Amino acid sequence: MNRIFAGLSREECVLRMKQHPLSVGILAASWIKLGQYLSELESLELPLLHLDLMDGRFCPQFTVGPWAVSQLPSHMIKDVHLMVEEPWPVVVECVKAGAHCVTVQVEGNRHLHHILHWLGQQQAAVQGGVMPVLRGISLCPATPLEVILPVLNEVEMIQVLAVNPGYGSKVAETDLLNRLEQLAQLLASRGKTQDVIVAVDGSLTLDQLTGLKASGVERVVSGSALFKGDRFYDTTQHWLSVLRTAPQ
């Protein structure tokens, strides 16, 4: 399914990515049924697989390492979010493992510009060729939006977290929507609205989607909510329908 990105420029990839408003947190799936879920994603023409890599130091949980990226099908888009204390070596290993999108936390990241600049020189294999590795930054709930300004020209995605990583404490919905609207205004003031994908991640629910789209969100990351009740195909289809029809 990632063939559509082969040979595209970085800017063209961003525009094409904006046509896919849902990234599936595949680590929330039952791995026994992983083959079934991947087949259903193909039926839905949904190529984005989201992986949260946690090291037990940046946040309490420990999930998987870069090796997990290489285990996922090569024809999908591997959307990797790093919540690790020392991101540089993990970033390099994720790219080696075939990541197509790499998002790093801005908090405590001393060499953020270097990481993003390096990622901007990397390519990832897709069916029929290669595509540029897309670069993202992610912000915890208490992190000021202004921290993105020094690296705004080095990113293709900005992800706002709706929970505190590893702790589950959620941001109030009104506060989240206000934060997203402020981000949209900031990007517009810098002429970056078309150049950057705005994403949100963190224990989101179906009834939030319309408000998120109206606040400028172009990608929603969801895992557990999609796999709940073992109705993955129907639930994901419903989420996609809402995301594709809700006004922005």
C-alpha atoms as a PDB file:
ATOM      1  CA  MET A   1       0.000   0.000   0.000  1.00  0.00           C
ATOM      2  CA  ASN A   2       2.964   2.358   0.367  1.00  0.00           C
ATOM      3  CA  ARG A   3       3.636   2.285  -3.383  1.00  0.00           C
ATOM      4  CA  ILE A   4       1.798   5.602  -3.736  1.00  0.00           C
ATOM      5  CA  PHE A   5       4.715   7.331  -1.965  1.00  0.00           C
ATOM      6  CA  ALA A   6       7.436   5.994  -4.258  1.00  0.00           C
ATOM      7  CA  GLY A   7       9.483   8.754  -5.862  1.00  0.00           C
ATOM      8  CA  LEU A   8       7.580  11.619  -4.222  1.00  0.00           C
ATOM      9  CA  SER A   9       9.291  14.688  -2.831  1.00  0.00           C
ATOM     10  CA  ARG A  10       9.070  15.497   0.860  1.00  0.00           C
ATOM     11  CA  GLU A  11       6.353  18.089   0.194  1.00  0.00           C
ATOM     12  CA  GLU A  12       4.373  15.678  -1.975  1.00  0.00           C
ATOM     13  CA  CYS A  13       4.576  12.999   0.723  1.00  0.00           C
ATOM     14  CA  VAL A  14       3.119  15.395   3.281  1.00  0.00           C
ATOM     15  CA  LEU A  15       0.158  16.179   1.037  1.00  0.00           C
ATOM     16  CA  ARG A  16      -0.412  12.483   0.353  1.00  0.00           C
ATOM     17  CA  MET A  17      -0.143  11.652   4.076  1.00  0.00           C
ATOM     18  CA  LYS A  18      -2.856  14.185   4.838  1.00  0.00           C
ATOM     19  CA  GLN A  19      -5.239  11.944   2.909  1.00  0.00           C
ATOM     20  CA  HIS A  20      -4.780   9.267   5.613  1.00  0.00           C
ATOM     21  CA  PRO A  21      -6.235  10.693   8.834  1.00  0.00           C
ATOM     22  CA  LEU A  22      -5.816   7.620  11.050  1.00  0.00           C
ATOM     23  CA  SER A  23      -2.654   5.904  12.282  1.00  0.00           C
ATOM     24  CA  VAL A  24      -3.319   2.588  14.008  1.00  0.00           C
ATOM     25  CA  GLY A  25      -1.483   1.853  17.255  1.00  0.00           C
ATOM     26  CA  ILE A  26      -0.661  -1.711  16.349  1.00  0.00           C
ATOM     27  CA  LEU A  27       0.941  -2.570  19.698  1.00  0.00           C
ATOM     28  CA  ALA A  28      -2.559  -2.546  21.227  1.00  0.00           C
ATOM     29  CA  ALA A  29      -3.541  -5.481  19.006  1.00  0.00           C
ATOM     30  CA  SER A  30      -3.589  -9.108  20.009  1.00  0.00           C
ATOM     31  CA  TRP A  31      -0.466 -10.367  18.284  1.00  0.00           C
ATOM     32  CA  ILE A  32      -2.093 -13.754  17.756  1.00  0.00           C
ATOM     33  CA  LYS A  33      -4.549 -12.012  15.411  1.00  0.00           C
ATOM     34  CA  LEU A  34      -2.025  -9.648  13.838  1.00  0.00           C
ATOM     35  CA  GLY A  35      -2.303 -11.262  10.401  1.00  0.00           C
ATOM     36  CA  GLN A  36      -6.076 -10.816  10.428  1.00  0.00           C
ATOM     37  CA  TYR A  37      -5.812  -7.169  11.459  1.00  0.00           C
ATOM     38  CA  LEU A  38      -3.242  -6.399   8.773  1.00  0.00           C
ATOM     39  CA  SER A  39      -5.489  -7.985   6.163  1.00  0.00           C
ATOM     40  CA  GLU A  40      -8.398  -5.843   7.367  1.00  0.00           C
ATOM     41  CA  LEU A  41      -6.256  -2.711   7.140  1.00  0.00           C
ATOM     42  CA  GLU A  42      -5.511  -3.570   3.527  1.00  0.00           C
ATOM     43  CA  SER A  43      -9.233  -3.940   2.856  1.00  0.00           C
ATOM     44  CA  LEU A  44      -9.750  -0.490   4.382  1.00  0.00           C
ATOM     45  CA  GLU A  45      -6.830   0.898   2.317  1.00  0.00           C
ATOM     46  CA  LEU A  46      -5.319   2.196   5.554  1.00  0.00           C
ATOM     47  CA  PRO A  47      -1.506   2.005   5.387  1.00  0.00           C
ATOM     48  CA  LEU A  48      -0.390   3.691   8.632  1.00  0.00           C
ATOM     49  CA  LEU A  49       0.905   1.545  11.495  1.00  0.00           C
ATOM     50  CA  HIS A  50       1.862   3.457  14.631  1.00  0.00           C
ATOM     51  CA  LEU A  51       4.432   2.062  17.068  1.00  0.00           C
ATOM     52  CA  ASP A  52       5.204   3.579  20.468  1.00  0.00           C
ATOM     53  CA  LEU A  53       8.780   2.812  21.494  1.00  0.00           C
ATOM     54  CA  MET A  54       9.248   3.382  25.251  1.00  0.00           C
ATOM     55  CA  ASP A  55      12.450   2.704  27.157  1.00  0.00           C
ATOM     56  CA  GLY A  56      11.159   2.702  30.751  1.00  0.00           C
ATOM     57  CA  ARG A  57      13.181   5.853  31.482  1.00  0.00           C
ATOM     58  CA  PHE A  58      11.475   8.697  29.615  1.00  0.00           C
ATOM     59  CA  CYS A  59       8.219   7.253  30.932  1.00  0.00           C
ATOM     60  CA  PRO A  60       7.579   4.264  33.218  1.00  0.00           C
ATOM     61  CA  GLN A  61       6.518   1.784  30.539  1.00  0.00           C
ATOM     62  CA  PHE A  62       8.814  -0.335  28.417  1.00  0.00           C
ATOM     63  CA  THR A  63       7.377  -1.537  25.112  1.00  0.00           C
ATOM     64  CA  VAL A  64       9.492  -2.654  22.157  1.00  0.00           C
ATOM     65  CA  GLY A  65      12.710  -1.652  20.453  1.00  0.00           C
ATOM     66  CA  PRO A  66      13.588  -0.845  16.844  1.00  0.00           C
ATOM     67  CA  TRP A  67      13.594  -4.564  16.009  1.00  0.00           C
ATOM     68  CA  ALA A  68       9.778  -4.449  16.041  1.00  0.00           C
ATOM     69  CA  VAL A  69       9.781  -1.998  13.128  1.00  0.00           C
ATOM     70  CA  SER A  70      11.487  -4.513  10.866  1.00  0.00           C
ATOM     71  CA  GLN A  71       8.943  -7.213  11.755  1.00  0.00           C
ATOM     72  CA  LEU A  72       5.996  -5.316  10.290  1.00  0.00           C
ATOM     73  CA  PRO A  73       5.036  -5.726   6.614  1.00  0.00           C
ATOM     74  CA  SER A  74       7.253  -3.802   4.220  1.00  0.00           C
ATOM     75  CA  HIS A  75       4.276  -2.589   2.177  1.00  0.00           C
ATOM     76  CA  MET A  76       2.806  -0.582   5.094  1.00  0.00           C
ATOM     77  CA  ILE A  77       3.845   2.865   6.347  1.00  0.00           C
ATOM     78  CA  LYS A  78       5.660   2.462   9.668  1.00  0.00           C
ATOM     79  CA  ASP A  79       4.900   5.475  11.851  1.00  0.00           C
ATOM     80  CA  VAL A  80       7.259   5.350  14.841  1.00  0.00           C
ATOM     81  CA  HIS A  81       6.982   7.475  17.990  1.00  0.00           C
ATOM     82  CA  LEU A  82      10.001   7.447  20.317  1.00  0.00           C
ATOM     83  CA  MET A  83       9.524   8.094  24.020  1.00  0.00           C
ATOM     84  CA  VAL A  84      13.095   7.380  25.073  1.00  0.00           C
ATOM     85  CA  GLU A  85      15.731   9.122  27.173  1.00  0.00           C
ATOM     86  CA  GLU A  86      18.514   8.980  24.555  1.00  0.00           C
ATOM     87  CA  PRO A  87      16.777   9.193  21.164  1.00  0.00           C
ATOM     88  CA  TRP A  88      19.730   9.495  18.785  1.00  0.00           C
ATOM     89  CA  PRO A  89      20.879   5.842  18.639  1.00  0.00           C
ATOM     90  CA  VAL A  90      17.251   4.646  18.615  1.00  0.00           C
ATOM     91  CA  VAL A  91      16.409   6.974  15.722  1.00  0.00           C
ATOM     92  CA  VAL A  92      19.288   5.552  13.688  1.00  0.00           C
ATOM     93  CA  GLU A  93      18.231   1.964  14.377  1.00  0.00           C
ATOM     94  CA  CYS A  94      14.599   2.710  13.514  1.00  0.00           C
ATOM     95  CA  VAL A  95      15.590   4.093  10.124  1.00  0.00           C
ATOM     96  CA  LYS A  96      17.760   1.025   9.513  1.00  0.00           C
ATOM     97  CA  ALA A  97      14.733  -1.116  10.413  1.00  0.00           C
ATOM     98  CA  GLY A  98      12.581   0.576   7.768  1.00  0.00           C
ATOM     99  CA  ALA A  99      10.677   3.360   9.565  1.00  0.00           C
ATOM    100  CA  HIS A 100       8.937   5.786   7.197  1.00  0.00           C
ATOM    101  CA  CYS A 101       7.911   8.387   9.802  1.00  0.00           C
ATOM    102  CA  VAL A 102       9.951   9.042  12.941  1.00  0.00           C
ATOM    103  CA  THR A 103       8.596  11.255  15.718  1.00  0.00           C
ATOM    104  CA  VAL A 104      10.688  12.258  18.732  1.00  0.00           C
ATOM    105  CA  GLN A 105       9.778  14.026  21.954  1.00  0.00           C
ATOM    106  CA  VAL A 106      11.062  17.579  22.291  1.00  0.00           C
ATOM    107  CA  GLU A 107      11.432  17.372  26.074  1.00  0.00           C
ATOM    108  CA  GLY A 108      15.040  17.064  27.216  1.00  0.00           C
ATOM    109  CA  ASN A 109      16.230  16.391  23.686  1.00  0.00           C
ATOM    110  CA  ARG A 110      19.546  18.246  23.673  1.00  0.00           C
ATOM    111  CA  HIS A 111      20.371  17.455  20.059  1.00  0.00           C
ATOM    112  CA  LEU A 112      16.904  17.777  18.550  1.00  0.00           C
ATOM    113  CA  HIS A 113      18.032  19.844  15.565  1.00  0.00           C
ATOM    114  CA  HIS A 114      20.801  17.388  14.726  1.00  0.00           C
ATOM    115  CA  ILE A 115      18.391  14.437  14.834  1.00  0.00           C
ATOM    116  CA  LEU A 116      15.823  16.165  12.631  1.00  0.00           C
ATOM    117  CA  HIS A 117      18.481  17.381  10.201  1.00  0.00           C
ATOM    118  CA  TRP A 118      19.890  13.861   9.879  1.00  0.00           C
ATOM    119  CA  LEU A 119      16.438  12.383   9.374  1.00  0.00           C
ATOM    120  CA  GLY A 120      15.911  14.909   6.593  1.00  0.00           C
ATOM    121  CA  GLN A 121      18.716  13.222   4.662  1.00  0.00           C
ATOM    122  CA  GLN A 122      17.296   9.703   4.978  1.00  0.00           C
ATOM    123  CA  GLN A 123      15.088   7.631   2.705  1.00  0.00           C
ATOM    124  CA  ALA A 124      12.909   4.596   3.363  1.00  0.00           C
ATOM    125  CA  ALA A 125      12.097   1.766   1.007  1.00  0.00           C
ATOM    126  CA  VAL A 126       8.549   1.496  -0.315  1.00  0.00           C
ATOM    127  CA  GLN A 127       7.043  -0.674  -3.015  1.00  0.00           C
ATOM    128  CA  GLY A 128       8.450   0.495  -6.321  1.00  0.00           C
ATOM    129  CA  GLY A 129      11.159   2.766  -4.939  1.00  0.00           C
ATOM    130  CA  VAL A 130      11.917   5.003  -1.986  1.00  0.00           C
ATOM    131  CA  MET A 131      10.402   7.940  -0.143  1.00  0.00           C
ATOM    132  CA  PRO A 132      11.937  10.516   2.210  1.00  0.00           C
ATOM    133  CA  VAL A 133      11.738   9.674   5.894  1.00  0.00           C
ATOM    134  CA  LEU A 134       9.220  12.093   7.385  1.00  0.00           C
ATOM    135  CA  ARG A 135      10.182  13.848  10.612  1.00  0.00           C
ATOM    136  CA  GLY A 136       7.900  14.539  13.553  1.00  0.00           C
ATOM    137  CA  ILE A 137       8.112  16.156  16.958  1.00  0.00           C
ATOM    138  CA  SER A 138       5.796  15.373  19.853  1.00  0.00           C
ATOM    139  CA  LEU A 139       4.846  17.573  22.803  1.00  0.00           C
ATOM    140  CA  CYS A 140       3.772  16.488  26.273  1.00  0.00           C
ATOM    141  CA  PRO A 141       0.730  18.325  27.684  1.00  0.00           C
ATOM    142  CA  ALA A 142       2.720  20.863  29.747  1.00  0.00           C
ATOM    143  CA  THR A 143       5.268  21.696  27.029  1.00  0.00           C
ATOM    144  CA  PRO A 144       4.830  25.206  25.550  1.00  0.00           C
ATOM    145  CA  LEU A 145       4.041  25.276  21.834  1.00  0.00           C
ATOM    146  CA  GLU A 146       6.777  27.849  21.280  1.00  0.00           C
ATOM    147  CA  VAL A 147       9.471  25.171  21.591  1.00  0.00           C
ATOM    148  CA  ILE A 148       8.681  24.084  18.026  1.00  0.00           C
ATOM    149  CA  LEU A 149       9.776  27.390  16.501  1.00  0.00           C
ATOM    150  CA  PRO A 150      13.557  26.744  16.274  1.00  0.00           C
ATOM    151  CA  VAL A 151      12.978  23.483  14.368  1.00  0.00           C
ATOM    152  CA  LEU A 152       9.785  24.296  12.462  1.00  0.00           C
ATOM    153  CA  ASN A 153      11.603  24.171   9.126  1.00  0.00           C
ATOM    154  CA  GLU A 154      12.950  20.706   9.962  1.00  0.00           C
ATOM    155  CA  VAL A 155       9.678  18.846  10.558  1.00  0.00           C
ATOM    156  CA  GLU A 156       6.784  17.448   8.575  1.00  0.00           C
ATOM    157  CA  MET A 157       4.601  16.504  11.542  1.00  0.00           C
ATOM    158  CA  ILE A 158       3.750  17.987  14.937  1.00  0.00           C
ATOM    159  CA  GLN A 159       2.057  15.651  17.383  1.00  0.00           C
ATOM    160  CA  VAL A 160       0.185  16.925  20.417  1.00  0.00           C
ATOM    161  CA  LEU A 161      -0.207  14.424  23.258  1.00  0.00           C
ATOM    162  CA  ALA A 162      -3.580  14.307  24.969  1.00  0.00           C
ATOM    163  CA  VAL A 163      -2.175  12.288  27.880  1.00  0.00           C
ATOM    164  CA  ASN A 164       0.992  12.323  29.937  1.00  0.00           C
ATOM    165  CA  PRO A 165       3.115   9.450  28.572  1.00  0.00           C
ATOM    166  CA  GLY A 166       3.135   6.483  30.887  1.00  0.00           C
ATOM    167  CA  TYR A 167       0.766   7.976  33.431  1.00  0.00           C
ATOM    168  CA  GLY A 168      -2.550   8.122  31.608  1.00  0.00           C
ATOM    169  CA  SER A 169      -3.660  11.462  33.065  1.00  0.00           C
ATOM    170  CA  LYS A 170      -5.678  13.066  30.284  1.00  0.00           C
ATOM    171  CA  VAL A 171      -5.860  16.684  29.237  1.00  0.00           C
ATOM    172  CA  ALA A 172      -9.346  18.164  29.618  1.00  0.00           C
ATOM    173  CA  GLU A 173     -11.069  18.222  26.236  1.00  0.00           C
ATOM    174  CA  THR A 174     -11.569  22.000  26.194  1.00  0.00           C
ATOM    175  CA  ASP A 175      -7.895  22.525  27.035  1.00  0.00           C
ATOM    176  CA  LEU A 176      -6.846  20.096  24.302  1.00  0.00           C
ATOM    177  CA  LEU A 177      -8.985  21.836  21.683  1.00  0.00           C
ATOM    178  CA  ASN A 178      -7.673  25.250  22.743  1.00  0.00           C
ATOM    179  CA  ARG A 179      -4.096  23.977  22.460  1.00  0.00           C
ATOM    180  CA  LEU A 180      -4.741  22.598  18.988  1.00  0.00           C
ATOM    181  CA  GLU A 181      -6.347  25.838  17.850  1.00  0.00           C
ATOM    182  CA  GLN A 182      -3.341  27.766  19.158  1.00  0.00           C
ATOM    183  CA  LEU A 183      -1.048  25.439  17.222  1.00  0.00           C
ATOM    184  CA  ALA A 184      -3.071  25.978  14.050  1.00  0.00           C
ATOM    185  CA  GLN A 185      -2.789  29.745  14.505  1.00  0.00           C
ATOM    186  CA  LEU A 186       0.951  29.503  15.103  1.00  0.00           C
ATOM    187  CA  LEU A 187       1.465  27.430  11.942  1.00  0.00           C
ATOM    188  CA  ALA A 188      -0.697  29.817   9.905  1.00  0.00           C
ATOM    189  CA  SER A 189       1.285  32.815  11.151  1.00  0.00           C
ATOM    190  CA  ARG A 190       4.470  31.151   9.868  1.00  0.00           C
ATOM    191  CA  GLY A 191       2.955  30.052   6.557  1.00  0.00           C
ATOM    192  CA  LYS A 192       3.339  26.383   7.512  1.00  0.00           C
ATOM    193  CA  THR A 193      -0.241  25.113   7.456  1.00  0.00           C
ATOM    194  CA  GLN A 194       0.192  23.158   4.228  1.00  0.00           C
ATOM    195  CA  ASP A 195       3.710  21.953   5.042  1.00  0.00           C
ATOM    196  CA  VAL A 196       3.046  20.228   8.366  1.00  0.00           C
ATOM    197  CA  ILE A 197       0.746  17.397   9.460  1.00  0.00           C
ATOM    198  CA  VAL A 198      -0.956  18.123  12.783  1.00  0.00           C
ATOM    199  CA  ALA A 199      -1.493  14.939  14.780  1.00  0.00           C
ATOM    200  CA  VAL A 200      -2.957  14.104  18.173  1.00  0.00           C
ATOM    201  CA  ASP A 201      -2.397  10.984  20.256  1.00  0.00           C
ATOM    202  CA  GLY A 202      -3.571   9.728  23.618  1.00  0.00           C
ATOM    203  CA  SER A 203      -6.658   7.774  24.735  1.00  0.00           C
ATOM    204  CA  LEU A 204      -8.961   9.448  22.233  1.00  0.00           C
ATOM    205  CA  THR A 205     -12.607   8.503  21.759  1.00  0.00           C
ATOM    206  CA  LEU A 206     -14.955   8.474  18.801  1.00  0.00           C
ATOM    207  CA  ASP A 207     -17.014  11.395  20.058  1.00  0.00           C
ATOM    208  CA  GLN A 208     -13.922  13.631  20.096  1.00  0.00           C
ATOM    209  CA  LEU A 209     -13.097  13.251  16.404  1.00  0.00           C
ATOM    210  CA  THR A 210     -15.341  15.965  14.989  1.00  0.00           C
ATOM    211  CA  GLY A 211     -14.016  18.542  17.445  1.00  0.00           C
ATOM    212  CA  LEU A 212     -10.434  17.511  16.754  1.00  0.00           C
ATOM    213  CA  LYS A 213     -10.877  17.925  13.005  1.00  0.00           C
ATOM    214  CA  ALA A 214     -12.468  21.345  13.520  1.00  0.00           C
ATOM    215  CA  SER A 215      -9.414  22.369  15.588  1.00  0.00           C
ATOM    216  CA  GLY A 216      -7.020  21.588  12.742  1.00  0.00           C
ATOM    217  CA  VAL A 217      -6.074  17.959  13.405  1.00  0.00           C
ATOM    218  CA  GLU A 218      -5.128  15.990  10.279  1.00  0.00           C
ATOM    219  CA  ARG A 219      -4.013  12.717  11.853  1.00  0.00           C
ATOM    220  CA  VAL A 220      -5.438  10.862  14.824  1.00  0.00           C
ATOM    221  CA  VAL A 221      -3.454   8.086  16.474  1.00  0.00           C
ATOM    222  CA  SER A 222      -5.492   5.370  18.148  1.00  0.00           C
ATOM    223  CA  GLY A 223      -4.812   1.877  19.415  1.00  0.00           C
ATOM    224  CA  SER A 224      -6.862   0.422  22.252  1.00  0.00           C
ATOM    225  CA  ALA A 225     -10.097   2.151  21.213  1.00  0.00           C
ATOM    226  CA  LEU A 226      -9.938   0.506  17.786  1.00  0.00           C
ATOM    227  CA  PHE A 227      -9.246  -3.000  19.070  1.00  0.00           C
ATOM    228  CA  LYS A 228     -11.721  -2.892  21.952  1.00  0.00           C
ATOM    229  CA  GLY A 229     -14.470  -5.495  21.800  1.00  0.00           C
ATOM    230  CA  ASP A 230     -12.820  -7.434  18.977  1.00  0.00           C
ATOM    231  CA  ARG A 231     -14.663  -5.392  16.340  1.00  0.00           C
ATOM    232  CA  PHE A 232     -11.565  -3.889  14.766  1.00  0.00           C
ATOM    233  CA  TYR A 233     -12.752  -3.709  11.159  1.00  0.00           C
ATOM    234  CA  ASP A 234     -16.137  -2.141  11.918  1.00  0.00           C
ATOM    235  CA  THR A 235     -14.748   0.253  14.520  1.00  0.00           C
ATOM    236  CA  THR A 236     -11.895   1.414  12.307  1.00  0.00           C
ATOM    237  CA  GLN A 237     -14.224   1.846   9.339  1.00  0.00           C
ATOM    238  CA  HIS A 238     -16.498   4.009  11.501  1.00  0.00           C
ATOM    239  CA  TRP A 239     -13.591   6.155  12.735  1.00  0.00           C
ATOM    240  CA  LEU A 240     -12.372   6.636   9.176  1.00  0.00           C
ATOM    241  CA  SER A 241     -15.832   7.651   8.017  1.00  0.00           C
ATOM    242  CA  VAL A 242     -16.096  10.299  10.731  1.00  0.00           C
ATOM    243  CA  LEU A 243     -12.583  11.611  10.114  1.00  0.00           C
ATOM    244  CA  ARG A 244     -13.086  11.851   6.357  1.00  0.00           C
ATOM    245  CA  THR A 245     -16.443  13.605   6.511  1.00  0.00           C
ATOM    246  CA  ALA A 246     -16.010  15.912   9.520  1.00  0.00           C
ATOM    247  CA  PRO A 247     -15.438  19.554   8.514  1.00  0.00           C
ATOM    248  CA  GLN A 248     -12.036  21.065   9.145  1.00  0.00           C
END
